[in-house]
Amino acid sequence: MQRNTDVGHYMMDMISNTLNIDPDLMARAQKRGLAAKQLIDVVENITNIATSFQHHDEALAIEGRPLKPLHFDGLACTWYSSAASSNDFQRFR
């Protein structure tokens, strides 16, 4: 399981770096090849393999949790913001 989470963290770092791409470039990439959807698919695959996976950095926070009922097929997203002086992520309401 450790190797799976290591790869997951590397992938999350790469996805986080794509958040710095020019928005116009990302929009064109989405139109041509569903780039954003592919990034979300990677996140979903990682959290399917390592169900308790967690990754936090300056631009991205991912927390995989098993959901009940077990037949739920979906992805829940929450936006976070962190204070400049703190590494604690706070949830928007």
Protein backbone atom coordinates (compact mmCIF):
# COMPACT_ATOMS: atom_id res chain seq x y z
CA MET A 1 0.00 0.00 0.00
CA GLN A 2 2.89 2.39 0.73
CA ARG A 3 4.09 2.23 -2.88
CA ASN A 4 0.57 3.07 -4.12
CA THR A 5 0.38 6.14 -1.91
CA ASP A 6 3.88 7.27 -2.92
CA VAL A 7 2.86 7.18 -6.59
CA GLY A 8 -0.37 8.93 -5.62
CA HIS A 9 1.54 11.78 -3.97
CA TYR A 10 3.79 12.16 -7.02
CA MET A 11 0.74 12.31 -9.28
CA MET A 12 -0.96 14.87 -6.99
CA ASP A 13 2.18 17.04 -7.12
CA MET A 14 2.05 16.95 -10.93
CA ILE A 15 -1.65 17.80 -10.97
CA SER A 16 -1.06 20.61 -8.48
CA ASN A 17 1.60 22.03 -10.79
CA THR A 18 -0.89 22.12 -13.66
CA LEU A 19 -3.00 24.53 -11.62
CA ASN A 20 -0.36 27.16 -12.44
CA ILE A 21 -0.94 26.80 -16.19
CA ASP A 22 -2.42 29.78 -18.01
CA PRO A 23 -6.23 29.40 -17.83
CA ASP A 24 -6.61 30.01 -21.58
CA LEU A 25 -4.15 27.23 -22.36
CA MET A 26 -5.96 24.87 -20.00
CA ALA A 27 -9.32 25.76 -21.57
CA ARG A 28 -7.96 24.94 -25.04
CA ALA A 29 -6.50 21.67 -23.74
CA GLN A 30 -9.88 20.80 -22.22
CA LYS A 31 -11.68 21.47 -25.51
CA ARG A 32 -9.19 19.44 -27.55
CA GLY A 33 -8.63 16.46 -25.28
CA LEU A 34 -10.67 16.75 -22.09
CA ALA A 35 -7.51 17.57 -20.12
CA ALA A 36 -9.29 18.58 -16.92
CA LYS A 37 -11.47 15.48 -17.02
CA GLN A 38 -8.39 13.31 -17.38
CA LEU A 39 -6.80 14.96 -14.33
CA ILE A 40 -9.95 14.32 -12.30
CA ASP A 41 -9.96 10.70 -13.50
CA VAL A 42 -6.40 10.31 -12.15
CA VAL A 43 -7.51 11.64 -8.75
CA GLU A 44 -10.48 9.28 -8.76
CA ASN A 45 -8.30 6.29 -9.65
CA ILE A 46 -5.85 7.08 -6.85
CA THR A 47 -8.60 7.36 -4.26
CA ASN A 48 -10.16 4.11 -5.53
CA ILE A 49 -6.87 2.26 -4.99
CA ALA A 50 -5.94 3.91 -1.68
CA THR A 51 -9.33 4.69 -0.12
CA SER A 52 -7.90 6.63 2.84
CA PHE A 53 -5.47 8.63 0.68
CA GLN A 54 -4.72 12.20 1.80
CA HIS A 55 -2.59 14.83 0.10
CA HIS A 56 -2.28 18.51 1.01
CA ASP A 57 -0.13 21.21 -0.55
CA GLU A 58 -0.39 24.94 -1.25
CA ALA A 59 -2.76 24.52 -4.19
CA LEU A 60 -4.55 21.21 -3.70
CA ALA A 61 -6.05 19.08 -0.94
CA ILE A 62 -7.29 15.54 -1.61
CA GLU A 63 -8.84 13.35 1.04
CA GLY A 64 -10.17 9.95 0.02
CA ARG A 65 -12.75 8.40 2.31
CA PRO A 66 -14.91 5.33 1.93
CA LEU A 67 -18.54 6.41 1.66
CA LYS A 68 -21.61 4.60 2.83
CA PRO A 69 -23.63 3.18 1.26
CA LEU A 70 -20.92 1.20 -0.51
CA HIS A 71 -22.79 1.30 -3.83
CA PHE A 72 -22.39 5.11 -4.07
CA ASP A 73 -20.66 5.89 -7.37
CA GLY A 74 -19.41 9.45 -7.41
CA LEU A 75 -16.90 12.00 -6.32
CA ALA A 76 -17.46 14.67 -3.68
CA CYS A 77 -15.44 17.89 -3.88
CA THR A 78 -14.84 20.55 -1.25
CA TRP A 79 -12.99 23.84 -1.72
CA TYR A 80 -10.38 24.74 0.87
CA SER A 81 -8.47 27.89 1.65
CA SER A 82 -5.36 28.19 3.75
CA ALA A 83 -4.13 31.24 5.60
CA ALA A 84 -0.73 32.52 4.41
CA SER A 85 0.74 32.02 7.87
CA SER A 86 -0.75 28.57 8.48
CA ASN A 87 -0.64 25.14 6.85
CA ASP A 88 -4.05 24.26 8.28
CA PHE A 89 -6.72 24.04 5.60
CA GLN A 90 -10.07 25.57 6.39
CA ARG A 91 -13.28 24.53 4.71
CA PHE A 92 -15.43 27.06 2.86
CA ARG A 93 -19.09 26.95 3.88
